[in-house]
mmCIF file of all heavy atoms, coordinates in Angstrom:
data_MODEL
# 
_entry.id   MODEL 
# 
loop_
_atom_site.group_PDB 
_atom_site.id 
_atom_site.type_symbol 
_atom_site.label_atom_id 
_atom_site.label_alt_id 
_atom_site.label_comp_id 
_atom_site.label_asym_id 
_atom_site.label_entity_id 
_atom_site.label_seq_id 
_atom_site.pdbx_PDB_ins_code 
_atom_site.Cartn_x 
_atom_site.Cartn_y 
_atom_site.Cartn_z 
_atom_site.occupancy 
_atom_site.B_iso_or_equiv 
_atom_site.pdbx_formal_charge 
_atom_site.auth_seq_id 
_atom_site.auth_comp_id 
_atom_site.auth_asym_id 
_atom_site.auth_atom_id 
_atom_site.pdbx_PDB_model_num 
ATOM 1   N N   . ILE A 1 1  ? -122.523 -18.234 -188.639 1.00 0.00 ? 1  ILE A N   1 
ATOM 2   C CA  . ILE A 1 1  ? -121.405 -17.994 -187.729 1.00 0.00 ? 1  ILE A CA  1 
ATOM 3   C C   . ILE A 1 1  ? -121.237 -16.498 -187.502 1.00 0.00 ? 1  ILE A C   1 
ATOM 4   O O   . ILE A 1 1  ? -121.047 -16.042 -186.372 1.00 0.00 ? 1  ILE A O   1 
ATOM 5   C CB  . ILE A 1 1  ? -120.118 -18.624 -188.297 1.00 0.00 ? 1  ILE A CB  1 
ATOM 6   C CG1 . ILE A 1 1  ? -120.281 -20.147 -188.370 1.00 0.00 ? 1  ILE A CG1 1 
ATOM 7   C CG2 . ILE A 1 1  ? -118.911 -18.255 -187.434 1.00 0.00 ? 1  ILE A CG2 1 
ATOM 8   C CD1 . ILE A 1 1  ? -119.124 -20.875 -189.016 1.00 0.00 ? 1  ILE A CD1 1 
ATOM 9   N N   . GLY A 1 2  ? -121.335 -15.725 -188.574 1.00 0.00 ? 2  GLY A N   1 
ATOM 10  C CA  . GLY A 1 2  ? -121.254 -14.277 -188.425 1.00 0.00 ? 2  GLY A CA  1 
ATOM 11  C C   . GLY A 1 2  ? -122.383 -13.718 -187.587 1.00 0.00 ? 2  GLY A C   1 
ATOM 12  O O   . GLY A 1 2  ? -122.187 -12.809 -186.774 1.00 0.00 ? 2  GLY A O   1 
ATOM 13  N N   . GLU A 1 3  ? -123.577 -14.274 -187.766 1.00 0.00 ? 3  GLU A N   1 
ATOM 14  C CA  . GLU A 1 3  ? -124.741 -13.811 -187.013 1.00 0.00 ? 3  GLU A CA  1 
ATOM 15  C C   . GLU A 1 3  ? -124.582 -14.050 -185.509 1.00 0.00 ? 3  GLU A C   1 
ATOM 16  O O   . GLU A 1 3  ? -125.133 -13.300 -184.696 1.00 0.00 ? 3  GLU A O   1 
ATOM 17  C CB  . GLU A 1 3  ? -125.994 -14.515 -187.515 1.00 0.00 ? 3  GLU A CB  1 
ATOM 18  C CG  . GLU A 1 3  ? -126.397 -14.131 -188.930 1.00 0.00 ? 3  GLU A CG  1 
ATOM 19  C CD  . GLU A 1 3  ? -127.505 -15.008 -189.479 1.00 0.00 ? 3  GLU A CD  1 
ATOM 20  O OE1 . GLU A 1 3  ? -128.067 -15.802 -188.695 1.00 0.00 ? 3  GLU A OE1 1 
ATOM 21  O OE2 . GLU A 1 3  ? -127.811 -14.902 -190.682 1.00 0.00 ? 3  GLU A OE2 1 
ATOM 22  N N   . HIS A 1 4  ? -123.859 -15.094 -185.135 1.00 0.00 ? 4  HIS A N   1 
ATOM 23  C CA  . HIS A 1 4  ? -123.704 -15.446 -183.719 1.00 0.00 ? 4  HIS A CA  1 
ATOM 24  C C   . HIS A 1 4  ? -122.409 -14.908 -183.110 1.00 0.00 ? 4  HIS A C   1 
ATOM 25  O O   . HIS A 1 4  ? -122.070 -15.256 -181.978 1.00 0.00 ? 4  HIS A O   1 
ATOM 26  C CB  . HIS A 1 4  ? -123.728 -16.977 -183.553 1.00 0.00 ? 4  HIS A CB  1 
ATOM 27  C CG  . HIS A 1 4  ? -125.065 -17.599 -183.759 1.00 0.00 ? 4  HIS A CG  1 
ATOM 28  N ND1 . HIS A 1 4  ? -125.585 -17.840 -185.011 1.00 0.00 ? 4  HIS A ND1 1 
ATOM 29  C CD2 . HIS A 1 4  ? -126.018 -18.014 -182.877 1.00 0.00 ? 4  HIS A CD2 1 
ATOM 30  C CE1 . HIS A 1 4  ? -126.778 -18.403 -184.893 1.00 0.00 ? 4  HIS A CE1 1 
ATOM 31  N NE2 . HIS A 1 4  ? -127.064 -18.519 -183.611 1.00 0.00 ? 4  HIS A NE2 1 
ATOM 32  N N   . HIS A 1 5  ? -121.685 -14.061 -183.835 1.00 0.00 ? 5  HIS A N   1 
ATOM 33  C CA  . HIS A 1 5  ? -120.338 -13.673 -183.430 1.00 0.00 ? 5  HIS A CA  1 
ATOM 34  C C   . HIS A 1 5  ? -120.238 -13.257 -181.963 1.00 0.00 ? 5  HIS A C   1 
ATOM 35  O O   . HIS A 1 5  ? -119.476 -13.837 -181.188 1.00 0.00 ? 5  HIS A O   1 
ATOM 36  C CB  . HIS A 1 5  ? -119.815 -12.541 -184.320 1.00 0.00 ? 5  HIS A CB  1 
ATOM 37  C CG  . HIS A 1 5  ? -118.448 -12.070 -183.939 1.00 0.00 ? 5  HIS A CG  1 
ATOM 38  N ND1 . HIS A 1 5  ? -118.225 -11.172 -182.906 1.00 0.00 ? 5  HIS A ND1 1 
ATOM 39  C CD2 . HIS A 1 5  ? -117.218 -12.384 -184.414 1.00 0.00 ? 5  HIS A CD2 1 
ATOM 40  C CE1 . HIS A 1 5  ? -116.934 -10.960 -182.770 1.00 0.00 ? 5  HIS A CE1 1 
ATOM 41  N NE2 . HIS A 1 5  ? -116.300 -11.676 -183.679 1.00 0.00 ? 5  HIS A NE2 1 
ATOM 42  N N   . GLY A 1 6  ? -120.979 -12.239 -181.565 1.00 0.00 ? 6  GLY A N   1 
ATOM 43  C CA  . GLY A 1 6  ? -120.849 -11.733 -180.204 1.00 0.00 ? 6  GLY A CA  1 
ATOM 44  C C   . GLY A 1 6  ? -121.204 -12.759 -179.150 1.00 0.00 ? 6  GLY A C   1 
ATOM 45  O O   . GLY A 1 6  ? -120.570 -12.833 -178.096 1.00 0.00 ? 6  GLY A O   1 
ATOM 46  N N   . LEU A 1 7  ? -122.214 -13.585 -179.432 1.00 0.00 ? 7  LEU A N   1 
ATOM 47  C CA  . LEU A 1 7  ? -122.663 -14.585 -178.466 1.00 0.00 ? 7  LEU A CA  1 
ATOM 48  C C   . LEU A 1 7  ? -121.691 -15.750 -178.346 1.00 0.00 ? 7  LEU A C   1 
ATOM 49  O O   . LEU A 1 7  ? -121.721 -16.483 -177.357 1.00 0.00 ? 7  LEU A O   1 
ATOM 50  C CB  . LEU A 1 7  ? -124.045 -15.108 -178.865 1.00 0.00 ? 7  LEU A CB  1 
ATOM 51  C CG  . LEU A 1 7  ? -125.144 -14.038 -178.949 1.00 0.00 ? 7  LEU A CG  1 
ATOM 52  C CD1 . LEU A 1 7  ? -126.450 -14.663 -179.419 1.00 0.00 ? 7  LEU A CD1 1 
ATOM 53  C CD2 . LEU A 1 7  ? -125.333 -13.356 -177.605 1.00 0.00 ? 7  LEU A CD2 1 
ATOM 54  N N   . LEU A 1 8  ? -120.817 -15.918 -179.333 1.00 0.00 ? 8  LEU A N   1 
ATOM 55  C CA  . LEU A 1 8  ? -119.813 -16.989 -179.283 1.00 0.00 ? 8  LEU A CA  1 
ATOM 56  C C   . LEU A 1 8  ? -118.622 -16.621 -178.416 1.00 0.00 ? 8  LEU A C   1 
ATOM 57  O O   . LEU A 1 8  ? -117.767 -17.451 -178.132 1.00 0.00 ? 8  LEU A O   1 
ATOM 58  C CB  . LEU A 1 8  ? -119.355 -17.341 -180.699 1.00 0.00 ? 8  LEU A CB  1 
ATOM 59  C CG  . LEU A 1 8  ? -120.410 -18.066 -181.545 1.00 0.00 ? 8  LEU A CG  1 
ATOM 60  C CD1 . LEU A 1 8  ? -119.990 -18.113 -183.009 1.00 0.00 ? 8  LEU A CD1 1 
ATOM 61  C CD2 . LEU A 1 8  ? -120.637 -19.479 -181.026 1.00 0.00 ? 8  LEU A CD2 1 
ATOM 62  N N   . GLN A 1 9  ? -118.561 -15.361 -178.011 1.00 0.00 ? 9  GLN A N   1 
ATOM 63  C CA  . GLN A 1 9  ? -117.600 -14.912 -177.004 1.00 0.00 ? 9  GLN A CA  1 
ATOM 64  C C   . GLN A 1 9  ? -116.155 -15.303 -177.316 1.00 0.00 ? 9  GLN A C   1 
ATOM 65  O O   . GLN A 1 9  ? -115.459 -15.894 -176.492 1.00 0.00 ? 9  GLN A O   1 
ATOM 66  C CB  . GLN A 1 9  ? -118.004 -15.434 -175.625 1.00 0.00 ? 9  GLN A CB  1 
ATOM 67  C CG  . GLN A 1 9  ? -119.394 -14.956 -175.207 1.00 0.00 ? 9  GLN A CG  1 
ATOM 68  C CD  . GLN A 1 9  ? -119.807 -15.443 -173.847 1.00 0.00 ? 9  GLN A CD  1 
ATOM 69  O OE1 . GLN A 1 9  ? -119.117 -15.190 -172.859 1.00 0.00 ? 9  GLN A OE1 1 
ATOM 70  N NE2 . GLN A 1 9  ? -120.926 -16.133 -173.777 1.00 0.00 ? 9  GLN A NE2 1 
ATOM 71  N N   . GLY A 1 10 ? -115.709 -14.982 -178.509 1.00 0.00 ? 10 GLY A N   1 
ATOM 72  C CA  . GLY A 1 10 ? -114.306 -15.167 -178.845 1.00 0.00 ? 10 GLY A CA  1 
ATOM 73  C C   . GLY A 1 10 ? -113.953 -16.487 -179.494 1.00 0.00 ? 10 GLY A C   1 
ATOM 74  O O   . GLY A 1 10 ? -112.796 -16.699 -179.860 1.00 0.00 ? 10 GLY A O   1 
ATOM 75  N N   . LEU A 1 11 ? -114.912 -17.395 -179.655 1.00 0.00 ? 11 LEU A N   1 
ATOM 76  C CA  . LEU A 1 11 ? -114.595 -18.698 -180.250 1.00 0.00 ? 11 LEU A CA  1 
ATOM 77  C C   . LEU A 1 11 ? -114.144 -18.561 -181.703 1.00 0.00 ? 11 LEU A C   1 
ATOM 78  O O   . LEU A 1 11 ? -113.286 -19.323 -182.169 1.00 0.00 ? 11 LEU A O   1 
ATOM 79  C CB  . LEU A 1 11 ? -115.805 -19.632 -180.167 1.00 0.00 ? 11 LEU A CB  1 
ATOM 80  C CG  . LEU A 1 11 ? -116.115 -20.209 -178.782 1.00 0.00 ? 11 LEU A CG  1 
ATOM 81  C CD1 . LEU A 1 11 ? -117.417 -20.979 -178.820 1.00 0.00 ? 11 LEU A CD1 1 
ATOM 82  C CD2 . LEU A 1 11 ? -114.971 -21.101 -178.308 1.00 0.00 ? 11 LEU A CD2 1 
ATOM 83  N N   . ILE A 1 12 ? -114.719 -17.618 -182.428 1.00 0.00 ? 12 ILE A N   1 
ATOM 84  C CA  . ILE A 1 12 ? -114.310 -17.419 -183.821 1.00 0.00 ? 12 ILE A CA  1 
ATOM 85  C C   . ILE A 1 12 ? -112.843 -17.006 -183.873 1.00 0.00 ? 12 ILE A C   1 
ATOM 86  O O   . ILE A 1 12 ? -112.051 -17.541 -184.660 1.00 0.00 ? 12 ILE A O   1 
ATOM 87  C CB  . ILE A 1 12 ? -115.188 -16.352 -184.497 1.00 0.00 ? 12 ILE A CB  1 
ATOM 88  C CG1 . ILE A 1 12 ? -116.642 -16.827 -184.543 1.00 0.00 ? 12 ILE A CG1 1 
ATOM 89  C CG2 . ILE A 1 12 ? -114.691 -16.053 -185.909 1.00 0.00 ? 12 ILE A CG2 1 
ATOM 90  C CD1 . ILE A 1 12 ? -117.613 -15.787 -185.079 1.00 0.00 ? 12 ILE A CD1 1 
ATOM 91  N N   . GLU A 1 13 ? -112.476 -16.044 -183.018 1.00 0.00 ? 13 GLU A N   1 
ATOM 92  C CA  . GLU A 1 13 ? -111.090 -15.590 -182.979 1.00 0.00 ? 13 GLU A CA  1 
ATOM 93  C C   . GLU A 1 13 ? -110.153 -16.709 -182.537 1.00 0.00 ? 13 GLU A C   1 
ATOM 94  O O   . GLU A 1 13 ? -109.077 -16.906 -183.110 1.00 0.00 ? 13 GLU A O   1 
ATOM 95  C CB  . GLU A 1 13 ? -110.960 -14.388 -182.030 1.00 0.00 ? 13 GLU A CB  1 
ATOM 96  C CG  . GLU A 1 13 ? -111.514 -13.087 -182.567 1.00 0.00 ? 13 GLU A CG  1 
ATOM 97  C CD  . GLU A 1 13 ? -113.036 -13.028 -182.589 1.00 0.00 ? 13 GLU A CD  1 
ATOM 98  O OE1 . GLU A 1 13 ? -113.678 -13.899 -181.943 1.00 0.00 ? 13 GLU A OE1 1 
ATOM 99  O OE2 . GLU A 1 13 ? -113.578 -12.139 -183.238 1.00 0.00 ? 13 GLU A OE2 1 
ATOM 100 N N   . THR A 1 14 ? -110.563 -17.448 -181.531 1.00 0.00 ? 14 THR A N   1 
ATOM 101 C CA  . THR A 1 14 ? -109.708 -18.500 -180.977 1.00 0.00 ? 14 THR A CA  1 
ATOM 102 C C   . THR A 1 14 ? -109.527 -19.672 -181.932 1.00 0.00 ? 14 THR A C   1 
ATOM 103 O O   . THR A 1 14 ? -108.431 -20.215 -182.068 1.00 0.00 ? 14 THR A O   1 
ATOM 104 C CB  . THR A 1 14 ? -110.313 -19.018 -179.656 1.00 0.00 ? 14 THR A CB  1 
ATOM 105 O OG1 . THR A 1 14 ? -110.404 -17.937 -178.724 1.00 0.00 ? 14 THR A OG1 1 
ATOM 106 C CG2 . THR A 1 14 ? -109.448 -20.116 -179.054 1.00 0.00 ? 14 THR A CG2 1 
ATOM 107 N N   . CYS A 1 15 ? -110.609 -20.050 -182.613 1.00 0.00 ? 15 CYS A N   1 
ATOM 108 C CA  . CYS A 1 15 ? -110.590 -21.303 -183.382 1.00 0.00 ? 15 CYS A CA  1 
ATOM 109 C C   . CYS A 1 15 ? -110.184 -21.153 -184.844 1.00 0.00 ? 15 CYS A C   1 
ATOM 110 O O   . CYS A 1 15 ? -109.606 -22.085 -185.413 1.00 0.00 ? 15 CYS A O   1 
ATOM 111 C CB  . CYS A 1 15 ? -111.958 -21.971 -183.300 1.00 0.00 ? 15 CYS A CB  1 
ATOM 112 S SG  . CYS A 1 15 ? -112.421 -22.524 -181.639 1.00 0.00 ? 15 CYS A SG  1 
ATOM 113 N N   . ILE A 1 16 ? -110.487 -20.013 -185.478 1.00 0.00 ? 16 ILE A N   1 
ATOM 114 C CA  . ILE A 1 16 ? -110.239 -19.976 -186.928 1.00 0.00 ? 16 ILE A CA  1 
ATOM 115 C C   . ILE A 1 16 ? -109.489 -18.745 -187.421 1.00 0.00 ? 16 ILE A C   1 
ATOM 116 O O   . ILE A 1 16 ? -109.098 -18.697 -188.589 1.00 0.00 ? 16 ILE A O   1 
ATOM 117 C CB  . ILE A 1 16 ? -111.557 -20.100 -187.728 1.00 0.00 ? 16 ILE A CB  1 
ATOM 118 C CG1 . ILE A 1 16 ? -112.424 -18.861 -187.530 1.00 0.00 ? 16 ILE A CG1 1 
ATOM 119 C CG2 . ILE A 1 16 ? -112.303 -21.360 -187.348 1.00 0.00 ? 16 ILE A CG2 1 
ATOM 120 C CD1 . ILE A 1 16 ? -113.644 -18.845 -188.449 1.00 0.00 ? 16 ILE A CD1 1 
ATOM 121 N N   . ARG A 1 17 ? -109.281 -17.751 -186.586 1.00 0.00 ? 17 ARG A N   1 
ATOM 122 C CA  . ARG A 1 17 ? -108.655 -16.508 -187.083 1.00 0.00 ? 17 ARG A CA  1 
ATOM 123 C C   . ARG A 1 17 ? -107.289 -16.769 -187.692 1.00 0.00 ? 17 ARG A C   1 
ATOM 124 O O   . ARG A 1 17 ? -106.963 -16.233 -188.761 1.00 0.00 ? 17 ARG A O   1 
ATOM 125 C CB  . ARG A 1 17 ? -108.534 -15.484 -185.955 1.00 0.00 ? 17 ARG A CB  1 
ATOM 126 C CG  . ARG A 1 17 ? -107.884 -14.159 -186.393 1.00 0.00 ? 17 ARG A CG  1 
ATOM 127 C CD  . ARG A 1 17 ? -107.896 -13.138 -185.283 1.00 0.00 ? 17 ARG A CD  1 
ATOM 128 N NE  . ARG A 1 17 ? -107.256 -13.647 -184.087 1.00 0.00 ? 17 ARG A NE  1 
ATOM 129 C CZ  . ARG A 1 17 ? -107.189 -12.969 -182.933 1.00 0.00 ? 17 ARG A CZ  1 
ATOM 130 N NH1 . ARG A 1 17 ? -107.765 -11.783 -182.852 1.00 0.00 ? 17 ARG A NH1 1 
ATOM 131 N NH2 . ARG A 1 17 ? -106.588 -13.484 -181.884 1.00 0.00 ? 17 ARG A NH2 1 
ATOM 132 N N   . ASN A 1 18 ? -106.470 -17.584 -187.046 1.00 0.00 ? 18 ASN A N   1 
ATOM 133 C CA  . ASN A 1 18 ? -105.114 -17.829 -187.538 1.00 0.00 ? 18 ASN A CA  1 
ATOM 134 C C   . ASN A 1 18 ? -105.069 -18.868 -188.649 1.00 0.00 ? 18 ASN A C   1 
ATOM 135 O O   . ASN A 1 18 ? -104.296 -18.728 -189.605 1.00 0.00 ? 18 ASN A O   1 
ATOM 136 C CB  . ASN A 1 18 ? -104.212 -18.261 -186.384 1.00 0.00 ? 18 ASN A CB  1 
ATOM 137 C CG  . ASN A 1 18 ? -103.997 -17.154 -185.365 1.00 0.00 ? 18 ASN A CG  1 
ATOM 138 O OD1 . ASN A 1 18 ? -104.057 -15.970 -185.706 1.00 0.00 ? 18 ASN A OD1 1 
ATOM 139 N ND2 . ASN A 1 18 ? -103.764 -17.524 -184.109 1.00 0.00 ? 18 ASN A ND2 1 
ATOM 140 N N   . ASP A 1 19 ? -105.882 -19.906 -188.545 1.00 0.00 ? 19 ASP A N   1 
ATOM 141 C CA  . ASP A 1 19 ? -105.828 -21.000 -189.524 1.00 0.00 ? 19 ASP A CA  1 
ATOM 142 C C   . ASP A 1 19 ? -106.624 -20.714 -190.793 1.00 0.00 ? 19 ASP A C   1 
ATOM 143 O O   . ASP A 1 19 ? -106.316 -21.270 -191.851 1.00 0.00 ? 19 ASP A O   1 
ATOM 144 C CB  . ASP A 1 19 ? -106.348 -22.296 -188.880 1.00 0.00 ? 19 ASP A CB  1 
ATOM 145 C CG  . ASP A 1 19 ? -105.432 -22.796 -187.776 1.00 0.00 ? 19 ASP A CG  1 
ATOM 146 O OD1 . ASP A 1 19 ? -104.231 -22.474 -187.817 1.00 0.00 ? 19 ASP A OD1 1 
ATOM 147 O OD2 . ASP A 1 19 ? -105.917 -23.510 -186.871 1.00 0.00 ? 19 ASP A OD2 1 
ATOM 148 N N   . TYR A 1 20 ? -107.636 -19.868 -190.679 1.00 0.00 ? 20 TYR A N   1 
ATOM 149 C CA  . TYR A 1 20 ? -108.480 -19.561 -191.842 1.00 0.00 ? 20 TYR A CA  1 
ATOM 150 C C   . TYR A 1 20 ? -108.665 -18.047 -191.953 1.00 0.00 ? 20 TYR A C   1 
ATOM 151 O O   . TYR A 1 20 ? -109.781 -17.530 -191.812 1.00 0.00 ? 20 TYR A O   1 
ATOM 152 C CB  . TYR A 1 20 ? -109.846 -20.237 -191.709 1.00 0.00 ? 20 TYR A CB  1 
ATOM 153 C CG  . TYR A 1 20 ? -109.800 -21.724 -191.492 1.00 0.00 ? 20 TYR A CG  1 
ATOM 154 C CD1 . TYR A 1 20 ? -109.787 -22.271 -190.206 1.00 0.00 ? 20 TYR A CD1 1 
ATOM 155 C CD2 . TYR A 1 20 ? -109.771 -22.611 -192.567 1.00 0.00 ? 20 TYR A CD2 1 
ATOM 156 C CE1 . TYR A 1 20 ? -109.757 -23.640 -189.998 1.00 0.00 ? 20 TYR A CE1 1 
ATOM 157 C CE2 . TYR A 1 20 ? -109.748 -23.983 -192.374 1.00 0.00 ? 20 TYR A CE2 1 
ATOM 158 C CZ  . TYR A 1 20 ? -109.733 -24.489 -191.084 1.00 0.00 ? 20 TYR A CZ  1 
ATOM 159 O OH  . TYR A 1 20 ? -109.708 -25.856 -190.866 1.00 0.00 ? 20 TYR A OH  1 
ATOM 160 N N   . PRO A 1 21 ? -107.575 -17.301 -192.191 1.00 0.00 ? 21 PRO A N   1 
ATOM 161 C CA  . PRO A 1 21 ? -107.657 -15.830 -192.154 1.00 0.00 ? 21 PRO A CA  1 
ATOM 162 C C   . PRO A 1 21 ? -108.636 -15.231 -193.156 1.00 0.00 ? 21 PRO A C   1 
ATOM 163 O O   . PRO A 1 21 ? -109.339 -14.255 -192.833 1.00 0.00 ? 21 PRO A O   1 
ATOM 164 C CB  . PRO A 1 21 ? -106.217 -15.382 -192.449 1.00 0.00 ? 21 PRO A CB  1 
ATOM 165 C CG  . PRO A 1 21 ? -105.578 -16.558 -193.121 1.00 0.00 ? 21 PRO A CG  1 
ATOM 166 C CD  . PRO A 1 21 ? -106.228 -17.764 -192.519 1.00 0.00 ? 21 PRO A CD  1 
ATOM 167 N N   . GLU A 1 22 ? -108.709 -15.776 -194.363 1.00 0.00 ? 22 GLU A N   1 
ATOM 168 C CA  . GLU A 1 22 ? -109.622 -15.218 -195.359 1.00 0.00 ? 22 GLU A CA  1 
ATOM 169 C C   . GLU A 1 22 ? -111.078 -15.450 -194.963 1.00 0.00 ? 22 GLU A C   1 
ATOM 170 O O   . GLU A 1 22 ? -111.920 -14.554 -195.078 1.00 0.00 ? 22 GLU A O   1 
ATOM 171 C CB  . GLU A 1 22 ? -109.339 -15.827 -196.733 1.00 0.00 ? 22 GLU A CB  1 
ATOM 172 C CG  . GLU A 1 22 ? -107.988 -15.428 -197.316 1.00 0.00 ? 22 GLU A CG  1 
ATOM 173 C CD  . GLU A 1 22 ? -107.787 -15.991 -198.704 1.00 0.00 ? 22 GLU A CD  1 
ATOM 174 O OE1 . GLU A 1 22 ? -108.724 -16.631 -199.235 1.00 0.00 ? 22 GLU A OE1 1 
ATOM 175 O OE2 . GLU A 1 22 ? -106.696 -15.795 -199.263 1.00 0.00 ? 22 GLU A OE2 1 
ATOM 176 N N   . ASP A 1 23 ? -111.366 -16.652 -194.500 1.00 0.00 ? 23 ASP A N   1 
ATOM 177 C CA  . ASP A 1 23 ? -112.726 -16.953 -194.043 1.00 0.00 ? 23 ASP A CA  1 
ATOM 178 C C   . ASP A 1 23 ? -113.080 -16.103 -192.825 1.00 0.00 ? 23 ASP A C   1 
ATOM 179 O O   . ASP A 1 23 ? -114.218 -15.648 -192.688 1.00 0.00 ? 23 ASP A O   1 
ATOM 180 C CB  . ASP A 1 23 ? -112.859 -18.433 -193.689 1.00 0.00 ? 23 ASP A CB  1 
ATOM 181 C CG  . ASP A 1 23 ? -112.769 -19.328 -194.914 1.00 0.00 ? 23 ASP A CG  1 
ATOM 182 O OD1 . ASP A 1 23 ? -113.482 -19.068 -195.888 1.00 0.00 ? 23 ASP A OD1 1 
ATOM 183 O OD2 . ASP A 1 23 ? -111.978 -20.288 -194.885 1.00 0.00 ? 23 ASP A OD2 1 
ATOM 184 N N   . TYR A 1 24 ? -112.102 -15.899 -191.968 1.00 0.00 ? 24 TYR A N   1 
ATOM 185 C CA  . TYR A 1 24 ? -112.329 -15.085 -190.771 1.00 0.00 ? 24 TYR A CA  1 
ATOM 186 C C   . TYR A 1 24 ? -112.757 -13.673 -191.163 1.00 0.00 ? 24 TYR A C   1 
ATOM 187 O O   . TYR A 1 24 ? -113.705 -13.122 -190.603 1.00 0.00 ? 24 TYR A O   1 
ATOM 188 C CB  . TYR A 1 24 ? -111.064 -15.046 -189.916 1.00 0.00 ? 24 TYR A CB  1 
ATOM 189 C CG  . TYR A 1 24 ? -111.156 -14.075 -188.755 1.00 0.00 ? 24 TYR A CG  1 
ATOM 190 C CD1 . TYR A 1 24 ? -111.943 -14.362 -187.642 1.00 0.00 ? 24 TYR A CD1 1 
ATOM 191 C CD2 . TYR A 1 24 ? -110.466 -12.863 -188.781 1.00 0.00 ? 24 TYR A CD2 1 
ATOM 192 C CE1 . TYR A 1 24 ? -112.035 -13.466 -186.587 1.00 0.00 ? 24 TYR A CE1 1 
ATOM 193 C CE2 . TYR A 1 24 ? -110.553 -11.973 -187.742 1.00 0.00 ? 24 TYR A CE2 1 
ATOM 194 C CZ  . TYR A 1 24 ? -111.341 -12.272 -186.650 1.00 0.00 ? 24 TYR A CZ  1 
ATOM 195 O OH  . TYR A 1 24 ? -111.443 -11.380 -185.617 1.00 0.00 ? 24 TYR A OH  1 
ATOM 196 N N   . GLN A 1 25 ? -112.065 -13.089 -192.133 1.00 0.00 ? 25 GLN A N   1 
ATOM 197 C CA  . GLN A 1 25 ? -112.410 -11.735 -192.569 1.00 0.00 ? 25 GLN A CA  1 
ATOM 198 C C   . GLN A 1 25 ? -113.806 -11.690 -193.180 1.00 0.00 ? 25 GLN A C   1 
ATOM 199 O O   . GLN A 1 25 ? -114.553 -10.723 -192.989 1.00 0.00 ? 25 GLN A O   1 
ATOM 200 C CB  . GLN A 1 25 ? -111.367 -11.226 -193.572 1.00 0.00 ? 25 GLN A CB  1 
ATOM 201 C CG  . GLN A 1 25 ? -110.006 -10.933 -192.957 1.00 0.00 ? 25 GLN A CG  1 
ATOM 202 C CD  . GLN A 1 25 ? -110.070 -9.910  -191.828 1.00 0.00 ? 25 GLN A CD  1 
ATOM 203 O OE1 . GLN A 1 25 ? -110.855 -8.956  -191.888 1.00 0.00 ? 25 GLN A OE1 1 
ATOM 204 N NE2 . GLN A 1 25 ? -109.264 -10.104 -190.802 1.00 0.00 ? 25 GLN A NE2 1 
# 
């Protein structure tokens, strides 16, 4: 997931940043 970050175009931020803050970091 980290490797694909830029190509996911914000999906990481949209889908898990708020619900899984530690995993997001």
